[in-house]
Amino acid sequence: MKTTARPLLLGTAAFLGLALVPPATAADDVSTRTGEVVDLVCYLDHGASGEAHSACAKKCIASGLPVGLKTADGTYLLVGAHKPMNNELAALAAQTITVTGKVVEKDGIKMIENAEIVKK
């Protein structure tokens, strides 16, 4: 009985130790990024950004084209809570804003999902 009790006790202790570790929460995945709001079609096609492109970017974003955030570490597709953020972001085209959200990347595509604009 002594030979089987020890592994059982060690296994139970290990399980209880793991059970005491809190699970990761959604808040653990939240990051903050600051950059310029760009319409991704014009930006990716011909590098259009900045104040000189703001009127066009506003029209493109308002019409539903993908919107992104051009930051120091790359450009991200911006998506709200499983829906586009175009209505909120069109007026901010070519402006520098800060957003929080879950940053993900796959196959070279970067995205901030569940993005929220940080109010100043």
C-alpha atoms as a PDB file:
ATOM      1  CA  MET A   1       0.000   0.000   0.000  1.00  0.00           C
ATOM      2  CA  LYS A   2       2.905   2.374   0.746  1.00  0.00           C
ATOM      3  CA  THR A   3       4.219   2.105  -2.824  1.00  0.00           C
ATOM      4  CA  THR A   4       0.922   3.214  -4.384  1.00  0.00           C
ATOM      5  CA  ALA A   5       0.000   5.840  -1.791  1.00  0.00           C
ATOM      6  CA  ARG A   6       3.033   8.038  -2.448  1.00  0.00           C
ATOM      7  CA  PRO A   7       2.421   8.527  -6.224  1.00  0.00           C
ATOM      8  CA  LEU A   8      -1.263   9.088  -5.508  1.00  0.00           C
ATOM      9  CA  LEU A   9      -0.439  11.784  -2.932  1.00  0.00           C
ATOM     10  CA  LEU A  10       2.078  13.440  -5.265  1.00  0.00           C
ATOM     11  CA  GLY A  11      -0.405  13.368  -8.131  1.00  0.00           C
ATOM     12  CA  THR A  12      -3.140  14.866  -5.973  1.00  0.00           C
ATOM     13  CA  ALA A  13      -0.804  17.588  -4.695  1.00  0.00           C
ATOM     14  CA  ALA A  14       0.266  18.431  -8.242  1.00  0.00           C
ATOM     15  CA  PHE A  15      -3.365  18.598  -9.379  1.00  0.00           C
ATOM     16  CA  LEU A  16      -4.353  20.838  -6.488  1.00  0.00           C
ATOM     17  CA  GLY A  17      -1.369  23.084  -7.163  1.00  0.00           C
ATOM     18  CA  LEU A  18      -2.461  23.529 -10.777  1.00  0.00           C
ATOM     19  CA  ALA A  19      -6.037  24.105  -9.715  1.00  0.00           C
ATOM     20  CA  LEU A  20      -4.916  27.069  -7.614  1.00  0.00           C
ATOM     21  CA  VAL A  21      -3.415  28.865 -10.630  1.00  0.00           C
ATOM     22  CA  PRO A  22      -6.010  31.337 -11.920  1.00  0.00           C
ATOM     23  CA  PRO A  23      -7.015  30.886 -15.570  1.00  0.00           C
ATOM     24  CA  ALA A  24      -5.992  33.507 -18.109  1.00  0.00           C
ATOM     25  CA  THR A  25      -8.625  36.143 -18.602  1.00  0.00           C
ATOM     26  CA  ALA A  26      -9.551  38.250 -21.605  1.00  0.00           C
ATOM     27  CA  ALA A  27      -7.972  41.232 -19.856  1.00  0.00           C
ATOM     28  CA  ASP A  28      -4.600  39.472 -20.092  1.00  0.00           C
ATOM     29  CA  ASP A  29      -4.778  39.729 -23.899  1.00  0.00           C
ATOM     30  CA  VAL A  30      -5.554  43.447 -24.067  1.00  0.00           C
ATOM     31  CA  SER A  31      -2.869  45.640 -25.592  1.00  0.00           C
ATOM     32  CA  THR A  32      -2.664  49.317 -26.430  1.00  0.00           C
ATOM     33  CA  ARG A  33      -1.462  50.708 -29.761  1.00  0.00           C
ATOM     34  CA  THR A  34      -1.145  54.279 -31.032  1.00  0.00           C
ATOM     35  CA  GLY A  35      -0.995  55.240 -34.686  1.00  0.00           C
ATOM     36  CA  GLU A  36      -2.599  56.868 -37.706  1.00  0.00           C
ATOM     37  CA  VAL A  37      -6.051  55.811 -38.890  1.00  0.00           C
ATOM     38  CA  VAL A  38      -5.734  54.724 -42.545  1.00  0.00           C
ATOM     39  CA  ASP A  39      -8.067  53.240 -45.108  1.00  0.00           C
ATOM     40  CA  LEU A  40      -6.320  49.984 -45.910  1.00  0.00           C
ATOM     41  CA  VAL A  41      -7.230  49.867 -49.606  1.00  0.00           C
ATOM     42  CA  CYS A  42      -5.456  53.101 -50.554  1.00  0.00           C
ATOM     43  CA  TYR A  43      -2.668  52.551 -48.042  1.00  0.00           C
ATOM     44  CA  LEU A  44      -1.824  49.038 -49.246  1.00  0.00           C
ATOM     45  CA  ASP A  45      -2.356  49.832 -52.940  1.00  0.00           C
ATOM     46  CA  HIS A  46      -0.347  53.037 -53.242  1.00  0.00           C
ATOM     47  CA  GLY A  47       0.897  54.006 -49.788  1.00  0.00           C
ATOM     48  CA  ALA A  48      -1.650  56.782 -49.290  1.00  0.00           C
ATOM     49  CA  SER A  49      -1.718  58.191 -45.761  1.00  0.00           C
ATOM     50  CA  GLY A  50      -1.379  61.454 -43.900  1.00  0.00           C
ATOM     51  CA  GLU A  51      -3.248  64.731 -44.045  1.00  0.00           C
ATOM     52  CA  ALA A  52      -3.009  64.961 -47.852  1.00  0.00           C
ATOM     53  CA  HIS A  53      -5.086  61.779 -48.104  1.00  0.00           C
ATOM     54  CA  SER A  54      -7.534  62.428 -45.255  1.00  0.00           C
ATOM     55  CA  ALA A  55     -10.571  63.429 -47.374  1.00  0.00           C
ATOM     56  CA  CYS A  56     -10.259  60.319 -49.544  1.00  0.00           C
ATOM     57  CA  ALA A  57      -9.630  58.114 -46.512  1.00  0.00           C
ATOM     58  CA  LYS A  58     -12.763  59.463 -44.810  1.00  0.00           C
ATOM     59  CA  LYS A  59     -14.852  58.605 -47.891  1.00  0.00           C
ATOM     60  CA  CYS A  60     -13.309  55.138 -48.235  1.00  0.00           C
ATOM     61  CA  ILE A  61     -13.725  54.280 -44.550  1.00  0.00           C
ATOM     62  CA  ALA A  62     -17.293  55.664 -44.469  1.00  0.00           C
ATOM     63  CA  SER A  63     -18.172  53.523 -47.504  1.00  0.00           C
ATOM     64  CA  GLY A  64     -17.183  50.385 -45.591  1.00  0.00           C
ATOM     65  CA  LEU A  65     -13.678  49.669 -46.858  1.00  0.00           C
ATOM     66  CA  PRO A  66     -11.281  48.113 -44.325  1.00  0.00           C
ATOM     67  CA  VAL A  67      -9.769  50.513 -41.822  1.00  0.00           C
ATOM     68  CA  GLY A  68      -6.406  50.157 -40.150  1.00  0.00           C
ATOM     69  CA  LEU A  69      -4.029  51.663 -37.643  1.00  0.00           C
ATOM     70  CA  LYS A  70      -0.517  52.453 -38.930  1.00  0.00           C
ATOM     71  CA  THR A  71       1.837  52.215 -35.935  1.00  0.00           C
ATOM     72  CA  ALA A  72       5.573  52.197 -35.343  1.00  0.00           C
ATOM     73  CA  ASP A  73       5.555  48.377 -35.248  1.00  0.00           C
ATOM     74  CA  GLY A  74       3.287  47.735 -38.234  1.00  0.00           C
ATOM     75  CA  THR A  75      -0.182  48.256 -39.619  1.00  0.00           C
ATOM     76  CA  TYR A  76      -3.198  46.577 -38.043  1.00  0.00           C
ATOM     77  CA  LEU A  77      -6.707  45.876 -39.301  1.00  0.00           C
ATOM     78  CA  LEU A  78      -9.115  47.380 -36.748  1.00  0.00           C
ATOM     79  CA  VAL A  79     -12.249  45.435 -35.830  1.00  0.00           C
ATOM     80  CA  GLY A  80     -14.715  46.266 -33.074  1.00  0.00           C
ATOM     81  CA  ALA A  81     -16.639  43.690 -31.066  1.00  0.00           C
ATOM     82  CA  HIS A  82     -17.104  41.354 -34.069  1.00  0.00           C
ATOM     83  CA  LYS A  83     -18.228  44.226 -36.263  1.00  0.00           C
ATOM     84  CA  PRO A  84     -16.620  46.997 -38.312  1.00  0.00           C
ATOM     85  CA  MET A  85     -15.672  50.282 -36.623  1.00  0.00           C
ATOM     86  CA  ASN A  86     -15.999  52.373 -39.775  1.00  0.00           C
ATOM     87  CA  ASN A  87     -18.715  54.684 -38.417  1.00  0.00           C
ATOM     88  CA  GLU A  88     -16.523  55.634 -35.451  1.00  0.00           C
ATOM     89  CA  LEU A  89     -13.264  55.849 -37.388  1.00  0.00           C
ATOM     90  CA  ALA A  90     -14.216  57.679 -40.614  1.00  0.00           C
ATOM     91  CA  ALA A  91     -14.102  61.084 -38.922  1.00  0.00           C
ATOM     92  CA  LEU A  92     -10.692  60.192 -37.457  1.00  0.00           C
ATOM     93  CA  ALA A  93      -9.020  59.373 -40.797  1.00  0.00           C
ATOM     94  CA  ALA A  94      -5.383  60.519 -40.926  1.00  0.00           C
ATOM     95  CA  GLN A  95      -5.445  61.372 -37.216  1.00  0.00           C
ATOM     96  CA  THR A  96      -3.314  59.743 -34.534  1.00  0.00           C
ATOM     97  CA  ILE A  97      -5.391  57.778 -32.034  1.00  0.00           C
ATOM     98  CA  THR A  98      -4.857  55.171 -29.344  1.00  0.00           C
ATOM     99  CA  VAL A  99      -6.849  51.942 -29.198  1.00  0.00           C
ATOM    100  CA  THR A 100      -6.969  48.974 -26.881  1.00  0.00           C
ATOM    101  CA  GLY A 101      -7.912  45.458 -27.895  1.00  0.00           C
ATOM    102  CA  LYS A 102      -6.684  41.943 -28.485  1.00  0.00           C
ATOM    103  CA  VAL A 103      -3.711  41.945 -30.864  1.00  0.00           C
ATOM    104  CA  VAL A 104      -3.472  38.890 -33.100  1.00  0.00           C
ATOM    105  CA  GLU A 105      -1.336  37.973 -36.105  1.00  0.00           C
ATOM    106  CA  LYS A 106      -1.570  35.138 -38.603  1.00  0.00           C
ATOM    107  CA  ASP A 107       0.125  34.620 -41.955  1.00  0.00           C
ATOM    108  CA  GLY A 108       1.614  38.110 -41.783  1.00  0.00           C
ATOM    109  CA  ILE A 109      -1.725  39.845 -41.179  1.00  0.00           C
ATOM    110  CA  LYS A 110      -2.017  41.878 -37.972  1.00  0.00           C
ATOM    111  CA  MET A 111      -5.351  42.725 -36.382  1.00  0.00           C
ATOM    112  CA  ILE A 112      -6.655  44.418 -33.266  1.00  0.00           C
ATOM    113  CA  GLU A 113      -9.994  42.860 -32.450  1.00  0.00           C
ATOM    114  CA  ASN A 114     -12.539  44.109 -29.952  1.00  0.00           C
ATOM    115  CA  ALA A 115     -10.802  47.439 -30.459  1.00  0.00           C
ATOM    116  CA  GLU A 116     -11.902  50.407 -28.421  1.00  0.00           C
ATOM    117  CA  ILE A 117     -10.782  53.982 -28.948  1.00  0.00           C
ATOM    118  CA  VAL A 118      -9.079  55.399 -25.862  1.00  0.00           C
ATOM    119  CA  LYS A 119     -10.706  58.701 -24.988  1.00  0.00           C
ATOM    120  CA  LYS A 120      -8.343  61.510 -24.049  1.00  0.00           C
END
